[in-house]
Amino acid sequence: MKRTHHRAAAAAVLSLTVPLGLTACSDSGGSTDGPIKVGAINGITGLFQTPEVPKTVKAVFDEVNAAGGIGGRKLELVSKDDAMDPQRSGQAARELIQSSKVVAFAGSSSAVDCGLNRATYSKEKIVSIPAVGVDPACFTSPNIAPVNPGPYGLTTAMLYYASETLKRDKVCLNYTVLPGSGGGIEAAIKEWTNLTGKTLALKNLAVGNGDPTRYLVADKNAGCQAVVYNAVVGPWFAQARTQGMQKVDFLLAANSYTDANAKVIPPDMSAYAGTEWQPYTDTTLPGNGRWAKLVEAHGIQKTAFSQGAVMAADVFVQVLKTIKGDITRKTVTDAFKKMKPIQYPMVGTPWVFGPGKEHSPIKGSRFVKAENGGWKVLPGGFTVPGKVS
């Protein structure tokens, strides 16, 4: 899976039998005839690059358009690259809303969009369904609901898997944390503690990408039995092996779930990775067949990010199909605020937007283990913290 930054991290479009009747009249936030314009803010250049995401969302929209569109109207994706630049991200949101007249955002994948534009989305009463939610604001805003658990929900799931599934008593955490994200990580740790009554044996939120020796020595001295980790893989495992830590379980964040990383993990080390959707390396898993077929047909790279793109586009289309009458910003926002939960096979919990002040509907993770230079999907389905299986 291609990831050019150290962070993160489908079923067929579900048909509904709701009749669609569209009339042409004026309303703020988009025309009621012509294409239905949908915005997205993506990282195409810069430090956080997700070029496969808008390509995949467009592929889903093209599929819908080929089948007649939504009530005869075509879906048009208008994507802007913010290059992880705050000024560009804010400008992109304003242009998409004011000039392009988009009715909603679907399939955004920017590391800075949510935090910068959450107030704009609330003020303009427009909803955003990111394919990849990254910063804490993506999960604590009234008008944003990602289709992934995000790095914070994933952290809770990884800690939970270490203590409750692997039965490790001394769980440690070594993270590289982006500026402004420390609060989200602390909240994730607190949620794990509240669920299990357990606390970390060691916590380091300032792990660098240089020589990892001092961090691993600290883990060893603390007696860590499981280490949750989110930074560079190769040097970390080489040094862990040198330190004789073959009996320690290392749990890697979703950004480390790549074919390249599986190849550099020594065979005598114990390494797991948490995934946000069904593990993308196994196309037989629920929802992955449709995703794989779609991206292969359009020459798009198979990544977990493109899985999120398919899901964001699919749930967006499904909710649009419930709208009776004009499809405008107002009717789209109303539809998402009043929608019923959607059970989607690529994730562990139903996805829903709803009327709340914050939205983090997707919980849990599936786990894979590094074996023979690849990733083995572990049995048991999704681990959802606090849920009795």
Protein backbone atom coordinates (compact mmCIF):
# COMPACT_ATOMS: atom_id res chain seq x y z
CA MET A 1 0.00 0.00 0.00
CA LYS A 2 1.45 3.35 -0.97
CA ARG A 3 1.80 5.89 1.84
CA THR A 4 4.07 8.89 1.50
CA HIS A 5 3.53 10.16 5.06
CA HIS A 6 4.02 8.45 8.40
CA ARG A 7 0.33 8.75 9.39
CA ALA A 8 -2.91 7.74 8.47
CA ALA A 9 -3.64 5.25 7.78
CA ALA A 10 -16.69 -2.45 -0.37
CA ALA A 11 -19.99 -3.97 -0.99
CA ALA A 12 -21.88 -3.21 -4.14
CA VAL A 13 -23.75 0.08 -4.07
CA LEU A 14 -26.80 -0.86 -2.04
CA SER A 15 -29.91 -0.31 -4.06
CA LEU A 16 -32.98 1.23 -2.46
CA THR A 17 -36.55 1.03 -3.64
CA VAL A 18 -37.38 4.63 -2.74
CA PRO A 19 -38.95 6.33 -5.80
CA LEU A 20 -37.02 9.30 -7.12
CA GLY A 21 -38.86 12.31 -8.42
CA LEU A 22 -36.80 15.39 -9.15
CA THR A 23 -38.15 18.78 -10.09
CA ALA A 24 -36.27 21.88 -11.20
CA CYS A 25 -36.51 24.81 -8.83
CA SER A 26 -34.00 27.12 -7.24
CA ASP A 27 -32.45 26.60 -3.82
CA SER A 28 -29.25 27.78 -2.20
CA GLY A 29 -26.30 25.47 -2.42
CA GLY A 30 -26.52 24.03 -5.92
CA SER A 31 -28.65 23.85 -9.01
CA THR A 32 -31.58 21.45 -9.17
CA ASP A 33 -30.86 20.47 -12.76
CA GLY A 34 -27.69 19.51 -14.58
CA PRO A 35 -24.98 17.51 -12.79
CA ILE A 36 -24.96 17.00 -9.05
CA LYS A 37 -21.65 18.54 -8.03
CA VAL A 38 -19.81 16.88 -5.16
CA GLY A 39 -16.65 18.35 -3.63
CA ALA A 40 -13.54 16.71 -2.21
CA ILE A 41 -10.28 18.01 -0.75
CA ASN A 42 -7.45 15.58 -1.31
CA GLY A 43 -3.71 15.41 -0.85
CA ILE A 44 -2.30 14.95 -4.33
CA THR A 45 0.99 16.70 -3.70
CA GLY A 46 2.78 17.57 -0.47
CA LEU A 47 3.58 15.34 2.51
CA PHE A 48 0.29 13.44 2.70
CA GLN A 49 -0.48 12.08 -0.77
CA THR A 50 -3.63 10.13 -1.62
CA PRO A 51 -4.00 10.44 -5.42
CA GLU A 52 -5.85 7.13 -5.63
CA VAL A 53 -8.74 8.46 -3.55
CA PRO A 54 -10.35 10.97 -5.97
CA LYS A 55 -9.69 8.57 -8.86
CA THR A 56 -11.61 5.85 -7.03
CA VAL A 57 -14.51 8.11 -6.01
CA LYS A 58 -14.82 9.21 -9.64
CA ALA A 59 -14.83 5.56 -10.74
CA VAL A 60 -17.80 4.87 -8.44
CA PHE A 61 -19.59 7.98 -9.72
CA ASP A 62 -18.92 6.94 -13.34
CA GLU A 63 -20.46 3.57 -12.53
CA VAL A 64 -23.58 5.27 -11.14
CA ASN A 65 -23.74 7.66 -14.11
CA ALA A 66 -23.53 4.78 -16.58
CA ALA A 67 -26.59 3.27 -14.88
CA GLY A 68 -28.60 6.48 -15.32
CA GLY A 69 -27.28 8.66 -12.51
CA ILE A 70 -29.45 9.82 -9.63
CA GLY A 71 -32.92 10.48 -10.98
CA GLY A 72 -31.41 11.12 -14.40
CA ARG A 73 -28.79 13.56 -13.11
CA LYS A 74 -25.09 12.77 -13.35
CA LEU A 75 -22.72 12.93 -10.39
CA GLU A 76 -19.72 15.22 -10.93
CA LEU A 77 -16.76 15.06 -8.58
CA VAL A 78 -14.86 18.33 -8.14
CA SER A 79 -11.63 17.54 -6.32
CA LYS A 80 -9.03 20.06 -5.19
CA ASP A 81 -5.47 19.36 -4.02
CA ASP A 82 -4.56 21.15 -0.81
CA ALA A 83 -0.96 19.81 -0.73
CA MET A 84 -1.31 19.68 3.08
CA ASP A 85 -1.13 23.47 3.04
CA PRO A 86 -3.55 25.19 5.46
CA GLN A 87 -4.11 28.23 3.26
CA ARG A 88 -4.81 26.11 0.18
CA SER A 89 -7.15 23.84 2.12
CA GLY A 90 -9.27 26.71 3.40
CA GLN A 91 -9.38 28.31 -0.03
CA ALA A 92 -10.35 25.00 -1.63
CA ALA A 93 -13.32 24.57 0.72
CA ARG A 94 -14.58 28.11 0.06
CA GLU A 95 -14.22 27.76 -3.71
CA LEU A 96 -16.01 24.42 -3.81
CA ILE A 97 -18.91 25.76 -1.75
CA GLN A 98 -19.24 29.27 -3.20
CA SER A 99 -18.06 28.90 -6.81
CA SER A 100 -18.57 25.25 -7.70
CA LYS A 101 -21.83 25.10 -5.69
CA VAL A 102 -21.23 21.56 -4.46
CA VAL A 103 -24.09 19.96 -2.54
CA ALA A 104 -21.75 18.04 -0.21
CA PHE A 105 -18.22 16.75 0.21
CA ALA A 106 -17.58 13.03 -0.32
CA GLY A 107 -14.23 11.26 -0.45
CA SER A 108 -11.93 13.91 1.01
CA SER A 109 -8.52 12.65 2.13
CA SER A 110 -6.59 15.59 3.52
CA ALA A 111 -4.52 15.70 6.69
CA VAL A 112 -5.56 19.29 7.42
CA ASP A 113 -9.06 19.71 5.95
CA CYS A 114 -11.19 18.82 8.99
CA GLY A 115 -9.46 21.04 11.50
CA LEU A 116 -9.30 24.02 9.16
CA ASN A 117 -12.74 23.77 7.56
CA ARG A 118 -15.02 22.35 10.24
CA ALA A 119 -16.37 25.82 11.10
CA THR A 120 -16.98 26.56 7.41
CA TYR A 121 -18.93 23.34 6.94
CA SER A 122 -21.08 24.10 9.97
CA LYS A 123 -21.68 27.70 8.91
CA GLU A 124 -22.59 26.71 5.35
CA LYS A 125 -24.69 23.74 6.57
CA ILE A 126 -22.93 21.31 4.28
CA VAL A 127 -21.85 17.75 5.14
CA SER A 128 -18.54 16.02 4.50
CA ILE A 129 -17.99 12.25 4.32
CA PRO A 130 -14.20 11.83 4.23
CA ALA A 131 -12.72 8.67 2.77
CA VAL A 132 -9.81 9.12 5.17
CA GLY A 133 -10.28 10.97 8.45
CA VAL A 134 -6.93 11.94 9.97
CA ASP A 135 -6.96 14.70 12.56
CA PRO A 136 -9.18 14.77 15.69
CA ALA A 137 -11.56 17.35 14.20
CA CYS A 138 -12.71 14.77 11.63
CA PHE A 139 -14.34 12.83 14.46
CA THR A 140 -15.57 15.67 16.68
CA SER A 141 -17.47 17.90 14.25
CA PRO A 142 -21.23 18.15 13.65
CA ASN A 143 -20.93 18.23 9.84
CA ILE A 144 -18.18 15.64 9.26
CA ALA A 145 -18.44 11.83 9.49
CA PRO A 146 -15.51 9.75 8.15
CA VAL A 147 -15.84 6.15 6.97
CA ASN A 148 -12.74 5.00 8.86
CA PRO A 149 -12.03 4.66 12.58
CA GLY A 150 -9.05 6.99 12.21
CA PRO A 151 -5.75 6.84 14.07
CA TYR A 152 -7.40 7.39 17.46
CA GLY A 153 -10.10 4.75 17.20
CA LEU A 154 -7.49 2.43 15.74
CA THR A 155 -5.15 3.08 18.66
CA THR A 156 -7.85 2.07 21.14
CA ALA A 157 -8.52 -1.09 19.11
CA MET A 158 -4.81 -1.98 19.00
CA LEU A 159 -4.39 -1.53 22.74
CA TYR A 160 -7.54 -3.57 23.31
CA TYR A 161 -6.30 -6.36 21.04
CA ALA A 162 -2.96 -6.43 22.88
CA SER A 163 -4.49 -6.68 26.34
CA GLU A 164 -7.70 -8.63 25.71
CA THR A 165 -6.92 -10.91 22.74
CA LEU A 166 -3.18 -11.42 23.10
CA LYS A 167 -3.61 -11.30 26.91
CA ARG A 168 -0.54 -9.14 27.47
CA ASP A 169 -0.30 -7.61 30.95
CA LYS A 170 2.39 -5.03 30.21
CA VAL A 171 1.31 -3.02 27.18
CA CYS A 172 3.46 -0.10 26.00
CA LEU A 173 2.97 2.60 23.40
CA ASN A 174 5.68 4.23 21.24
CA TYR A 175 4.23 6.83 18.86
CA THR A 176 5.27 9.61 16.57
CA VAL A 177 2.54 12.21 17.02
CA LEU A 178 1.76 15.02 14.62
CA PRO A 179 1.38 18.55 16.05
CA GLY A 180 -2.11 18.98 17.47
CA SER A 181 -2.84 15.25 17.56
CA GLY A 182 -1.58 14.43 21.03
CA GLY A 183 -4.99 15.06 22.58
CA GLY A 184 -6.57 12.49 20.29
CA ILE A 185 -4.02 9.85 21.27
CA GLU A 186 -4.48 10.59 24.96
CA ALA A 187 -8.24 10.23 24.55
CA ALA A 188 -7.73 6.88 22.78
CA ILE A 189 -5.57 5.62 25.65
CA LYS A 190 -8.12 6.83 28.20
CA GLU A 191 -10.91 4.99 26.37
CA TRP A 192 -8.89 1.76 26.52
CA THR A 193 -8.25 2.27 30.22
CA ASN A 194 -11.94 2.93 30.87
CA LEU A 195 -12.89 -0.27 29.03
CA THR A 196 -10.28 -2.56 30.55
CA GLY A 197 -9.21 -0.94 33.82
CA LYS A 198 -5.60 -1.25 32.64
CA THR A 199 -2.86 1.32 32.21
CA LEU A 200 0.23 1.49 30.02
CA ALA A 201 3.50 0.14 31.37
CA LEU A 202 5.31 2.78 29.28
CA LYS A 203 4.21 5.64 27.04
CA ASN A 204 6.36 7.66 24.66
CA LEU A 205 4.63 10.09 22.28
CA ALA A 206 7.84 11.63 20.93
CA VAL A 207 9.42 8.73 19.06
CA GLY A 208 11.58 9.99 16.21
CA ASN A 209 12.50 8.34 12.94
CA GLY A 210 16.23 8.16 13.76
CA ASP A 211 18.05 5.46 15.70
CA PRO A 212 15.35 3.58 17.68
CA THR A 213 17.77 1.96 20.14
CA ARG A 214 16.95 4.13 23.16
CA TYR A 215 13.21 3.62 22.76
CA LEU A 216 13.56 -0.14 22.50
CA VAL A 217 15.94 -0.30 25.45
CA ALA A 218 13.34 1.60 27.48
CA ASP A 219 10.66 -0.87 26.37
CA LYS A 220 12.87 -3.79 27.34
CA ASN A 221 13.68 -2.31 30.75
CA ALA A 222 9.97 -1.69 31.38
CA GLY A 223 9.23 -5.35 30.67
CA CYS A 224 6.90 -4.56 27.77
CA GLN A 225 5.13 -7.67 26.52
CA ALA A 226 3.32 -5.81 23.71
CA VAL A 227 4.33 -2.54 22.04
CA VAL A 228 1.92 -0.45 19.98
CA TYR A 229 3.98 1.48 17.41
CA ASN A 230 3.34 3.80 14.45
CA ALA A 231 6.64 4.95 12.94
CA VAL A 232 9.31 3.58 10.54
CA VAL A 233 9.33 -0.23 10.41
CA GLY A 234 12.65 -1.53 9.01
CA PRO A 235 15.17 0.04 11.44
CA TRP A 236 12.81 -0.54 14.38
CA PHE A 237 12.62 -4.29 13.87
CA ALA A 238 16.28 -4.66 13.03
CA GLN A 239 17.19 -3.06 16.34
CA ALA A 240 14.46 -4.93 18.26
CA ARG A 241 15.98 -8.17 17.02
CA THR A 242 19.43 -7.01 18.11
CA GLN A 243 17.98 -6.30 21.56
CA GLY A 244 16.63 -9.87 21.74
CA MET A 245 12.96 -8.84 21.80
CA GLN A 246 11.66 -11.80 19.80
CA LYS A 247 9.05 -12.62 22.44
CA VAL A 248 7.52 -9.15 22.40
CA ASP A 249 4.36 -8.60 20.32
CA PHE A 250 4.66 -5.45 18.21
CA LEU A 251 1.37 -3.99 16.98
CA LEU A 252 1.74 -1.61 14.04
CA ALA A 253 -0.67 1.12 13.02
CA ALA A 254 -2.50 0.99 9.68
CA ASN A 255 0.12 3.13 7.94
CA SER A 256 2.59 0.24 8.36
CA TYR A 257 0.31 -2.33 6.71
CA THR A 258 2.18 -2.50 3.40
CA ASP A 259 3.71 -5.26 1.30
CA ALA A 260 7.11 -3.57 1.57
CA ASN A 261 7.03 -3.53 5.37
CA ALA A 262 6.06 -7.20 5.58
CA LYS A 263 9.23 -8.05 3.68
CA VAL A 264 11.59 -6.24 6.09
CA ILE A 265 10.22 -7.69 9.32
CA PRO A 266 12.58 -10.49 10.49
CA PRO A 267 10.85 -13.90 10.43
CA ASP A 268 11.56 -14.54 14.11
CA MET A 269 9.87 -11.29 15.24
CA SER A 270 6.22 -11.08 16.24
CA ALA A 271 4.49 -8.28 14.32
CA TYR A 272 0.81 -7.50 13.88
CA ALA A 273 -0.87 -4.65 12.03
CA GLY A 274 -4.29 -3.13 12.63
CA THR A 275 -6.40 -2.31 9.56
CA GLU A 276 -9.18 0.26 9.24
CA TRP A 277 -11.14 -1.70 6.64
CA GLN A 278 -11.07 -5.36 5.65
CA PRO A 279 -7.41 -6.22 4.99
CA TYR A 280 -6.84 -5.09 1.42
CA THR A 281 -4.34 -7.87 0.67
CA ASP A 282 -7.15 -10.47 0.69
CA THR A 283 -9.71 -9.78 -2.03
CA THR A 284 -11.94 -12.68 -0.87
CA LEU A 285 -12.99 -10.82 2.28
CA PRO A 286 -16.47 -9.23 2.43
CA GLY A 287 -16.67 -6.08 0.32
CA ASN A 288 -13.16 -6.43 -1.08
CA GLY A 289 -14.24 -8.17 -4.27
CA ARG A 290 -16.20 -5.17 -5.53
CA TRP A 291 -13.43 -2.76 -4.55
CA ALA A 292 -10.69 -4.85 -6.21
CA LYS A 293 -12.65 -5.24 -9.42
CA LEU A 294 -13.37 -1.51 -9.60
CA VAL A 295 -9.81 -0.30 -9.04
CA GLU A 296 -8.33 -2.94 -11.32
CA ALA A 297 -10.69 -1.92 -14.12
CA HIS A 298 -9.54 1.71 -13.84
CA GLY A 299 -5.83 1.03 -13.29
CA ILE A 300 -5.91 2.44 -9.74
CA GLN A 301 -3.44 1.27 -7.12
CA LYS A 302 -4.84 -1.13 -4.54
CA THR A 303 -4.51 0.57 -1.16
CA ALA A 304 -6.53 0.85 2.01
CA PHE A 305 -7.11 4.49 1.08
CA SER A 306 -8.87 3.42 -2.12
CA GLN A 307 -11.04 1.12 -0.01
CA GLY A 308 -12.13 4.15 1.97
CA ALA A 309 -12.83 5.98 -1.26
CA VAL A 310 -15.17 3.25 -2.49
CA MET A 311 -16.99 3.17 0.83
CA ALA A 312 -17.38 6.95 1.05
CA ALA A 313 -18.74 7.10 -2.49
CA ASP A 314 -21.06 4.12 -1.94
CA VAL A 315 -22.68 5.41 1.26
CA PHE A 316 -22.98 8.88 -0.29
CA VAL A 317 -24.84 7.46 -3.28
CA GLN A 318 -27.05 5.31 -1.10
CA VAL A 319 -28.20 8.28 0.98
CA LEU A 320 -28.76 10.40 -2.15
CA LYS A 321 -31.13 7.71 -3.41
CA THR A 322 -33.39 8.26 -0.40
CA ILE A 323 -34.07 11.90 -1.26
CA LYS A 324 -37.54 12.58 -2.60
CA GLY A 325 -37.54 15.73 -4.70
CA ASP A 326 -34.78 18.21 -5.41
CA ILE A 327 -31.17 17.31 -4.64
CA THR A 328 -29.61 20.47 -3.22
CA ARG A 329 -27.23 21.22 -0.40
CA LYS A 330 -30.14 21.57 2.00
CA THR A 331 -31.89 18.34 1.05
CA VAL A 332 -28.61 16.42 1.05
CA THR A 333 -27.67 17.74 4.49
CA ASP A 334 -31.15 16.92 5.80
CA ALA A 335 -30.93 13.41 4.37
CA PHE A 336 -27.63 12.68 6.11
CA LYS A 337 -28.84 14.13 9.39
CA LYS A 338 -31.94 11.90 9.28
CA MET A 339 -30.48 8.76 7.68
CA LYS A 340 -30.64 5.24 9.07
CA PRO A 341 -27.41 3.32 9.79
CA ILE A 342 -25.80 1.51 6.86
CA GLN A 343 -24.27 -1.91 7.46
CA TYR A 344 -21.19 -1.97 5.25
CA PRO A 345 -19.14 -5.18 4.95
CA MET A 346 -15.68 -3.59 4.83
CA VAL A 347 -15.89 -2.17 8.38
CA GLY A 348 -16.63 -3.39 11.87
CA THR A 349 -19.65 -1.26 12.81
CA PRO A 350 -22.54 0.39 10.91
CA TRP A 351 -21.88 3.79 9.37
CA VAL A 352 -24.29 6.63 10.12
CA PHE A 353 -24.16 10.42 10.00
CA GLY A 354 -27.09 11.55 12.11
CA PRO A 355 -27.89 14.77 14.00
CA GLY A 356 -25.17 14.62 16.67
CA LYS A 357 -22.53 17.22 17.46
CA GLU A 358 -19.72 14.79 16.61
CA HIS A 359 -19.43 11.63 14.52
CA SER A 360 -17.11 8.65 14.89
CA PRO A 361 -19.34 5.81 13.69
CA ILE A 362 -16.69 3.30 12.61
CA LYS A 363 -15.07 1.39 15.43
CA GLY A 364 -12.62 -1.47 15.63
CA SER A 365 -9.99 -3.10 13.48
CA ARG A 366 -9.10 -6.36 11.81
CA PHE A 367 -5.63 -7.68 12.46
CA VAL A 368 -3.01 -9.25 10.23
CA LYS A 369 0.28 -10.86 11.19
CA ALA A 370 3.60 -10.74 9.37
CA GLU A 371 4.52 -14.21 8.13
CA ASN A 372 6.98 -15.33 5.45
CA GLY A 373 7.40 -11.86 4.00
CA GLY A 374 3.67 -11.20 3.72
CA TRP A 375 0.59 -10.54 5.84
CA LYS A 376 -1.67 -13.30 7.14
CA VAL A 377 -5.25 -12.28 7.92
CA LEU A 378 -6.08 -13.45 11.43
CA PRO A 379 -9.42 -15.12 12.23
CA GLY A 380 -12.11 -13.61 14.38
CA GLY A 381 -13.31 -10.70 12.28
CA PHE A 382 -13.20 -7.14 13.60
CA THR A 383 -12.03 -6.36 17.10
CA VAL A 384 -14.40 -3.70 18.43
CA PRO A 385 -13.30 -2.44 21.86
CA GLY A 386 -15.89 -3.20 24.52
CA LYS A 387 -18.00 -5.38 22.24
CA VAL A 388 -18.53 -8.95 23.40
CA SER A 389 -17.99 -11.30 20.45
